[in-house]
N, C-alpha and C. Protein backbone atom coordinates (compact mmCIF):
# COMPACT_ATOMS: atom_id res chain seq x y z
N MET A 1 -1.29 1.03 30.55
CA MET A 1 -1.06 0.00 29.54
C MET A 1 -1.98 0.20 28.35
N LYS A 2 -3.22 0.59 28.63
CA LYS A 2 -4.18 0.76 27.55
C LYS A 2 -3.76 1.87 26.60
N SER A 3 -3.29 2.99 27.15
CA SER A 3 -2.90 4.10 26.28
C SER A 3 -1.71 3.72 25.41
N ARG A 4 -0.84 2.88 25.95
CA ARG A 4 0.32 2.43 25.18
C ARG A 4 -0.13 1.56 24.01
N SER A 5 -1.06 0.64 24.26
CA SER A 5 -1.50 -0.23 23.17
C SER A 5 -2.34 0.54 22.17
N GLU A 6 -3.12 1.52 22.65
CA GLU A 6 -3.90 2.33 21.73
C GLU A 6 -2.99 3.18 20.85
N SER A 7 -1.93 3.73 21.42
CA SER A 7 -1.01 4.53 20.61
C SER A 7 -0.25 3.64 19.64
N LEU A 8 0.03 2.41 20.03
CA LEU A 8 0.69 1.48 19.12
C LEU A 8 -0.23 1.14 17.95
N ILE A 9 -1.50 0.96 18.22
CA ILE A 9 -2.47 0.70 17.15
C ILE A 9 -2.55 1.90 16.21
N ARG A 10 -2.58 3.11 16.79
CA ARG A 10 -2.63 4.31 15.95
C ARG A 10 -1.38 4.39 15.07
N LEU A 11 -0.22 4.06 15.63
CA LEU A 11 1.02 4.07 14.87
C LEU A 11 0.97 3.07 13.73
N LYS A 12 0.50 1.86 14.03
CA LYS A 12 0.41 0.83 12.99
C LYS A 12 -0.57 1.23 11.89
N LYS A 13 -1.69 1.86 12.27
CA LYS A 13 -2.65 2.32 11.27
C LYS A 13 -2.04 3.41 10.40
N PHE A 14 -1.27 4.29 11.02
CA PHE A 14 -0.59 5.33 10.25
C PHE A 14 0.38 4.71 9.26
N GLN A 15 1.13 3.70 9.71
CA GLN A 15 2.08 3.04 8.83
C GLN A 15 1.37 2.35 7.67
N VAL A 16 0.24 1.71 7.94
CA VAL A 16 -0.54 1.06 6.88
C VAL A 16 -1.02 2.11 5.88
N ASP A 17 -1.53 3.22 6.39
CA ASP A 17 -2.01 4.29 5.49
C ASP A 17 -0.87 4.82 4.63
N GLU A 18 0.29 5.00 5.22
CA GLU A 18 1.45 5.49 4.47
C GLU A 18 1.86 4.50 3.38
N LYS A 19 1.85 3.23 3.70
CA LYS A 19 2.20 2.20 2.70
C LYS A 19 1.16 2.18 1.58
N ARG A 20 -0.10 2.36 1.92
CA ARG A 20 -1.15 2.41 0.89
C ARG A 20 -0.93 3.60 -0.04
N ARG A 21 -0.56 4.74 0.55
CA ARG A 21 -0.29 5.93 -0.27
C ARG A 21 0.87 5.67 -1.22
N GLN A 22 1.91 5.02 -0.73
CA GLN A 22 3.06 4.72 -1.57
C GLN A 22 2.67 3.81 -2.72
N VAL A 23 1.90 2.77 -2.42
CA VAL A 23 1.46 1.84 -3.47
C VAL A 23 0.64 2.59 -4.51
N THR A 24 -0.27 3.44 -4.06
CA THR A 24 -1.12 4.19 -4.98
C THR A 24 -0.28 5.13 -5.84
N GLN A 25 0.68 5.80 -5.24
CA GLN A 25 1.54 6.70 -6.01
C GLN A 25 2.31 5.95 -7.08
N ILE A 26 2.88 4.83 -6.72
CA ILE A 26 3.66 4.06 -7.68
C ILE A 26 2.77 3.54 -8.80
N GLU A 27 1.57 3.07 -8.46
CA GLU A 27 0.64 2.61 -9.49
C GLU A 27 0.30 3.75 -10.45
N MET A 28 0.09 4.94 -9.90
CA MET A 28 -0.22 6.09 -10.75
C MET A 28 0.95 6.42 -11.67
N MET A 29 2.16 6.33 -11.15
CA MET A 29 3.34 6.62 -11.97
C MET A 29 3.47 5.61 -13.10
N VAL A 30 3.28 4.34 -12.80
CA VAL A 30 3.36 3.31 -13.84
C VAL A 30 2.31 3.58 -14.91
N ASN A 31 1.08 3.88 -14.48
CA ASN A 31 0.02 4.17 -15.45
C ASN A 31 0.34 5.40 -16.29
N ASP A 32 0.89 6.43 -15.66
CA ASP A 32 1.26 7.64 -16.41
C ASP A 32 2.35 7.35 -17.42
N PHE A 33 3.36 6.60 -17.01
CA PHE A 33 4.44 6.25 -17.94
C PHE A 33 3.90 5.47 -19.13
N GLU A 34 3.03 4.50 -18.85
CA GLU A 34 2.48 3.70 -19.94
C GLU A 34 1.58 4.53 -20.86
N ARG A 35 0.82 5.45 -20.27
CA ARG A 35 -0.05 6.32 -21.07
C ARG A 35 0.79 7.23 -21.97
N MET A 36 1.85 7.81 -21.41
CA MET A 36 2.72 8.68 -22.21
C MET A 36 3.41 7.89 -23.32
N ALA A 37 3.82 6.67 -23.02
CA ALA A 37 4.46 5.83 -24.04
C ALA A 37 3.47 5.51 -25.15
N SER A 38 2.23 5.26 -24.79
CA SER A 38 1.19 4.99 -25.79
C SER A 38 0.95 6.22 -26.67
N GLU A 39 0.93 7.39 -26.04
CA GLU A 39 0.76 8.63 -26.81
C GLU A 39 1.92 8.83 -27.77
N LEU A 40 3.14 8.52 -27.32
CA LEU A 40 4.30 8.63 -28.20
C LEU A 40 4.20 7.64 -29.36
N ASP A 41 3.70 6.44 -29.09
CA ASP A 41 3.48 5.47 -30.17
C ASP A 41 2.55 6.05 -31.24
N GLN A 42 1.49 6.69 -30.78
CA GLN A 42 0.55 7.30 -31.73
C GLN A 42 1.23 8.40 -32.52
N GLN A 43 2.03 9.22 -31.87
CA GLN A 43 2.73 10.29 -32.57
C GLN A 43 3.73 9.73 -33.58
N ILE A 44 4.38 8.65 -33.21
CA ILE A 44 5.33 8.00 -34.13
C ILE A 44 4.59 7.49 -35.36
N GLU A 45 3.44 6.85 -35.14
CA GLU A 45 2.65 6.35 -36.28
C GLU A 45 2.18 7.50 -37.17
N ILE A 46 1.79 8.60 -36.57
CA ILE A 46 1.37 9.77 -37.36
C ILE A 46 2.55 10.28 -38.18
N GLU A 47 3.72 10.33 -37.56
CA GLU A 47 4.92 10.78 -38.27
C GLU A 47 5.27 9.83 -39.41
N HIS A 48 5.12 8.53 -39.19
CA HIS A 48 5.38 7.56 -40.25
C HIS A 48 4.42 7.78 -41.42
N SER A 49 3.15 8.01 -41.11
CA SER A 49 2.17 8.21 -42.19
C SER A 49 2.43 9.54 -42.92
N LYS A 50 2.90 10.56 -42.21
CA LYS A 50 3.20 11.84 -42.86
C LYS A 50 4.38 11.73 -43.82
N THR A 51 5.45 11.08 -43.32
CA THR A 51 6.68 11.01 -44.12
C THR A 51 6.66 9.84 -45.09
N GLY A 52 5.88 8.83 -44.79
CA GLY A 52 5.86 7.63 -45.64
C GLY A 52 7.07 6.74 -45.41
N ILE A 53 7.86 7.04 -44.40
CA ILE A 53 9.06 6.25 -44.10
C ILE A 53 8.92 5.70 -42.69
N SER A 54 8.91 4.36 -42.58
CA SER A 54 8.81 3.74 -41.25
C SER A 54 10.05 2.90 -40.93
N ASP A 55 11.00 2.84 -41.85
CA ASP A 55 12.24 2.09 -41.65
C ASP A 55 13.22 2.96 -40.87
N VAL A 56 13.57 2.54 -39.68
CA VAL A 56 14.46 3.31 -38.82
C VAL A 56 15.84 3.46 -39.47
N ALA A 57 16.25 2.50 -40.25
CA ALA A 57 17.58 2.52 -40.87
C ALA A 57 17.62 3.41 -42.11
N HIS A 58 16.48 3.85 -42.58
CA HIS A 58 16.44 4.69 -43.79
C HIS A 58 17.11 6.03 -43.49
N PHE A 59 17.87 6.55 -44.47
CA PHE A 59 18.64 7.78 -44.25
C PHE A 59 17.74 9.01 -44.03
N ALA A 60 16.51 8.97 -44.53
CA ALA A 60 15.61 10.11 -44.39
C ALA A 60 14.57 9.91 -43.28
N TYR A 61 14.83 8.95 -42.41
CA TYR A 61 13.89 8.68 -41.32
C TYR A 61 13.78 9.92 -40.43
N SER A 62 12.59 10.20 -39.97
CA SER A 62 12.30 11.41 -39.20
C SER A 62 13.07 11.45 -37.89
N THR A 63 13.73 12.58 -37.64
CA THR A 63 14.44 12.75 -36.36
C THR A 63 13.45 12.85 -35.20
N PHE A 64 12.27 13.42 -35.48
CA PHE A 64 11.23 13.47 -34.45
C PHE A 64 10.83 12.06 -34.04
N ALA A 65 10.64 11.19 -35.02
CA ALA A 65 10.24 9.81 -34.73
C ALA A 65 11.34 9.09 -33.95
N LYS A 66 12.60 9.34 -34.32
CA LYS A 66 13.71 8.72 -33.59
C LYS A 66 13.70 9.18 -32.12
N ALA A 67 13.57 10.47 -31.92
CA ALA A 67 13.57 11.00 -30.56
C ALA A 67 12.37 10.48 -29.78
N ALA A 68 11.21 10.39 -30.42
CA ALA A 68 10.01 9.88 -29.76
C ALA A 68 10.18 8.42 -29.37
N GLN A 69 10.83 7.64 -30.23
CA GLN A 69 11.07 6.23 -29.91
C GLN A 69 12.00 6.09 -28.71
N ILE A 70 13.03 6.91 -28.67
CA ILE A 70 13.96 6.86 -27.53
C ILE A 70 13.23 7.22 -26.25
N ARG A 71 12.44 8.29 -26.33
CA ARG A 71 11.67 8.71 -25.15
C ARG A 71 10.69 7.63 -24.74
N ARG A 72 9.99 7.02 -25.69
CA ARG A 72 9.04 5.95 -25.39
C ARG A 72 9.75 4.78 -24.72
N ASP A 73 10.90 4.39 -25.26
CA ASP A 73 11.66 3.28 -24.68
C ASP A 73 12.10 3.60 -23.25
N ASN A 74 12.51 4.85 -23.03
CA ASN A 74 12.90 5.26 -21.66
C ASN A 74 11.70 5.21 -20.72
N LEU A 75 10.55 5.65 -21.19
CA LEU A 75 9.34 5.61 -20.36
C LEU A 75 8.96 4.17 -20.02
N LEU A 76 9.04 3.29 -21.00
CA LEU A 76 8.70 1.88 -20.74
C LEU A 76 9.71 1.24 -19.78
N ALA A 77 10.97 1.61 -19.91
CA ALA A 77 11.98 1.09 -18.97
C ALA A 77 11.70 1.61 -17.56
N SER A 78 11.33 2.88 -17.46
CA SER A 78 10.99 3.45 -16.16
C SER A 78 9.76 2.75 -15.57
N ALA A 79 8.78 2.46 -16.41
CA ALA A 79 7.58 1.76 -15.94
C ALA A 79 7.94 0.37 -15.42
N ASN A 80 8.83 -0.31 -16.11
CA ASN A 80 9.26 -1.64 -15.65
C ASN A 80 10.01 -1.54 -14.32
N ASP A 81 10.86 -0.52 -14.17
CA ASP A 81 11.56 -0.33 -12.90
C ASP A 81 10.56 -0.06 -11.78
N MET A 82 9.55 0.76 -12.09
CA MET A 82 8.56 1.10 -11.08
C MET A 82 7.71 -0.12 -10.70
N ARG A 83 7.52 -1.05 -11.62
CA ARG A 83 6.78 -2.27 -11.28
C ARG A 83 7.52 -3.06 -10.20
N GLY A 84 8.84 -3.09 -10.29
CA GLY A 84 9.63 -3.75 -9.24
C GLY A 84 9.45 -3.05 -7.91
N LYS A 85 9.46 -1.71 -7.94
CA LYS A 85 9.24 -0.95 -6.71
C LYS A 85 7.82 -1.14 -6.21
N LEU A 86 6.89 -1.30 -7.13
CA LEU A 86 5.49 -1.53 -6.75
C LEU A 86 5.35 -2.85 -6.01
N GLU A 87 5.98 -3.89 -6.50
CA GLU A 87 5.93 -5.18 -5.81
C GLU A 87 6.50 -5.07 -4.40
N ALA A 88 7.62 -4.36 -4.28
CA ALA A 88 8.23 -4.18 -2.95
C ALA A 88 7.30 -3.39 -2.03
N ALA A 89 6.66 -2.36 -2.57
CA ALA A 89 5.74 -1.54 -1.77
C ALA A 89 4.51 -2.36 -1.37
N GLN A 90 4.02 -3.21 -2.27
CA GLN A 90 2.88 -4.07 -1.93
C GLN A 90 3.25 -5.07 -0.86
N ASP A 91 4.46 -5.61 -0.92
CA ASP A 91 4.92 -6.52 0.13
C ASP A 91 5.02 -5.79 1.47
N ALA A 92 5.53 -4.56 1.44
CA ALA A 92 5.64 -3.78 2.68
C ALA A 92 4.25 -3.47 3.24
N LEU A 93 3.30 -3.20 2.36
CA LEU A 93 1.93 -2.95 2.80
C LEU A 93 1.34 -4.20 3.44
N ALA A 94 1.54 -5.34 2.83
CA ALA A 94 1.02 -6.60 3.39
C ALA A 94 1.63 -6.86 4.77
N GLU A 95 2.91 -6.58 4.90
CA GLU A 95 3.59 -6.77 6.19
C GLU A 95 3.04 -5.81 7.25
N ALA A 96 2.81 -4.57 6.85
CA ALA A 96 2.27 -3.58 7.78
C ALA A 96 0.85 -3.97 8.22
N LEU A 97 0.07 -4.51 7.29
CA LEU A 97 -1.28 -4.97 7.64
C LEU A 97 -1.22 -6.13 8.62
N GLU A 98 -0.29 -7.04 8.42
CA GLU A 98 -0.13 -8.16 9.35
C GLU A 98 0.24 -7.66 10.74
N ASP A 99 1.17 -6.70 10.79
CA ASP A 99 1.57 -6.14 12.08
C ASP A 99 0.38 -5.48 12.78
N LEU A 100 -0.42 -4.75 12.02
CA LEU A 100 -1.59 -4.09 12.59
C LEU A 100 -2.57 -5.12 13.15
N LYS A 101 -2.81 -6.19 12.40
CA LYS A 101 -3.73 -7.23 12.88
C LYS A 101 -3.21 -7.88 14.15
N LYS A 102 -1.91 -8.11 14.22
CA LYS A 102 -1.33 -8.71 15.43
C LYS A 102 -1.56 -7.81 16.64
N VAL A 103 -1.30 -6.53 16.46
CA VAL A 103 -1.46 -5.58 17.57
C VAL A 103 -2.93 -5.49 17.98
N GLU A 104 -3.82 -5.47 16.99
CA GLU A 104 -5.25 -5.42 17.31
C GLU A 104 -5.71 -6.67 18.04
N LEU A 105 -5.19 -7.84 17.64
CA LEU A 105 -5.53 -9.07 18.36
C LEU A 105 -5.02 -9.05 19.79
N LEU A 106 -3.81 -8.55 19.97
CA LEU A 106 -3.28 -8.44 21.33
C LEU A 106 -4.13 -7.50 22.17
N GLU A 107 -4.56 -6.41 21.58
CA GLU A 107 -5.43 -5.46 22.29
C GLU A 107 -6.75 -6.12 22.66
N GLN A 108 -7.30 -6.88 21.73
CA GLN A 108 -8.57 -7.58 21.99
C GLN A 108 -8.40 -8.59 23.12
N ARG A 109 -7.32 -9.34 23.11
CA ARG A 109 -7.07 -10.32 24.17
C ARG A 109 -6.90 -9.62 25.52
N GLU A 110 -6.23 -8.47 25.50
CA GLU A 110 -6.04 -7.73 26.74
C GLU A 110 -7.39 -7.27 27.29
N HIS A 111 -8.27 -6.79 26.43
CA HIS A 111 -9.60 -6.37 26.87
C HIS A 111 -10.39 -7.56 27.42
N GLN A 112 -10.28 -8.71 26.77
CA GLN A 112 -10.98 -9.91 27.25
C GLN A 112 -10.45 -10.31 28.63
N ARG A 113 -9.13 -10.25 28.79
CA ARG A 113 -8.54 -10.60 30.08
C ARG A 113 -9.02 -9.64 31.17
N ASP A 114 -9.08 -8.36 30.83
CA ASP A 114 -9.56 -7.37 31.79
C ASP A 114 -11.02 -7.64 32.16
N ALA A 115 -11.84 -7.99 31.17
CA ALA A 115 -13.26 -8.25 31.43
C ALA A 115 -13.42 -9.48 32.31
N VAL A 116 -12.66 -10.52 32.04
CA VAL A 116 -12.71 -11.73 32.86
C VAL A 116 -12.27 -11.42 34.29
N GLU A 117 -11.21 -10.64 34.42
CA GLU A 117 -10.71 -10.27 35.74
C GLU A 117 -11.75 -9.44 36.49
N GLN A 118 -12.42 -8.55 35.79
CA GLN A 118 -13.46 -7.74 36.42
C GLN A 118 -14.63 -8.61 36.88
N LEU A 119 -15.02 -9.58 36.03
CA LEU A 119 -16.10 -10.49 36.42
C LEU A 119 -15.71 -11.31 37.65
N LYS A 120 -14.47 -11.75 37.70
CA LYS A 120 -14.01 -12.51 38.87
C LYS A 120 -14.07 -11.65 40.13
N GLN A 121 -13.65 -10.39 40.00
CA GLN A 121 -13.67 -9.49 41.16
C GLN A 121 -15.10 -9.23 41.61
N GLU A 122 -16.01 -9.02 40.66
CA GLU A 122 -17.41 -8.82 41.01
C GLU A 122 -18.00 -10.04 41.71
N GLN A 123 -17.65 -11.22 41.19
CA GLN A 123 -18.15 -12.45 41.80
C GLN A 123 -17.59 -12.61 43.22
N ALA A 124 -16.34 -12.26 43.41
CA ALA A 124 -15.76 -12.35 44.74
C ALA A 124 -16.45 -11.37 45.69
N ASP A 125 -16.79 -10.18 45.18
CA ASP A 125 -17.51 -9.20 46.01
C ASP A 125 -18.89 -9.74 46.39
N TYR A 126 -19.59 -10.32 45.43
CA TYR A 126 -20.92 -10.90 45.71
C TYR A 126 -20.81 -12.04 46.72
N ASP A 127 -19.78 -12.87 46.55
CA ASP A 127 -19.57 -13.97 47.49
C ASP A 127 -19.34 -13.44 48.91
N GLU A 128 -18.56 -12.37 49.02
CA GLU A 128 -18.28 -11.77 50.32
C GLU A 128 -19.56 -11.22 50.95
N VAL A 129 -20.39 -10.57 50.11
CA VAL A 129 -21.67 -10.05 50.62
C VAL A 129 -22.53 -11.22 51.09
N GLY A 130 -22.55 -12.30 50.33
CA GLY A 130 -23.33 -13.47 50.71
C GLY A 130 -22.85 -14.08 52.02
N ARG A 131 -21.53 -14.16 52.21
CA ARG A 131 -20.98 -14.70 53.45
C ARG A 131 -21.34 -13.81 54.63
N LEU A 132 -21.27 -12.51 54.44
CA LEU A 132 -21.60 -11.59 55.53
C LEU A 132 -23.08 -11.72 55.92
N ARG A 133 -23.95 -11.88 54.94
CA ARG A 133 -25.38 -12.03 55.23
C ARG A 133 -25.67 -13.38 55.88
N PHE A 134 -24.94 -14.40 55.48
CA PHE A 134 -25.15 -15.71 56.03
C PHE A 134 -24.76 -15.76 57.51
N ARG A 135 -23.74 -15.04 57.89
CA ARG A 135 -23.23 -15.01 59.29
C ARG A 135 -24.23 -14.32 60.21
N ARG A 136 -25.03 -13.44 59.76
CA ARG A 136 -25.96 -12.71 60.62
C ARG A 136 -27.07 -13.55 61.04
């Protein structure tokens, strides 16, 4: 029974670690998307200052700036999508942590029960020794 509960704890710890890795990966992706979008914003501003045209509707507006804006918007949309996935991953991590705590509590209770049972057996052995000595 002990090996089964220990392997279950190991499994739950592995699941928690995996969920943590997923959360970290998603957080890194969101940060990367936002960083790249910020860099594109800077490039767009540089292009505006070079050309002197910042009106998107202007006929001579920079094609580079247009493409950078589209890419920036796509990156920000991806970051928003990833935030939704991040929330789901954080919820899954919280659930995995709860499961791990439950299993660890059950293991702790099992150990306490075993210790109490062992103490009872030892006391019964001592009582038997006492009865045998008393009879002599």
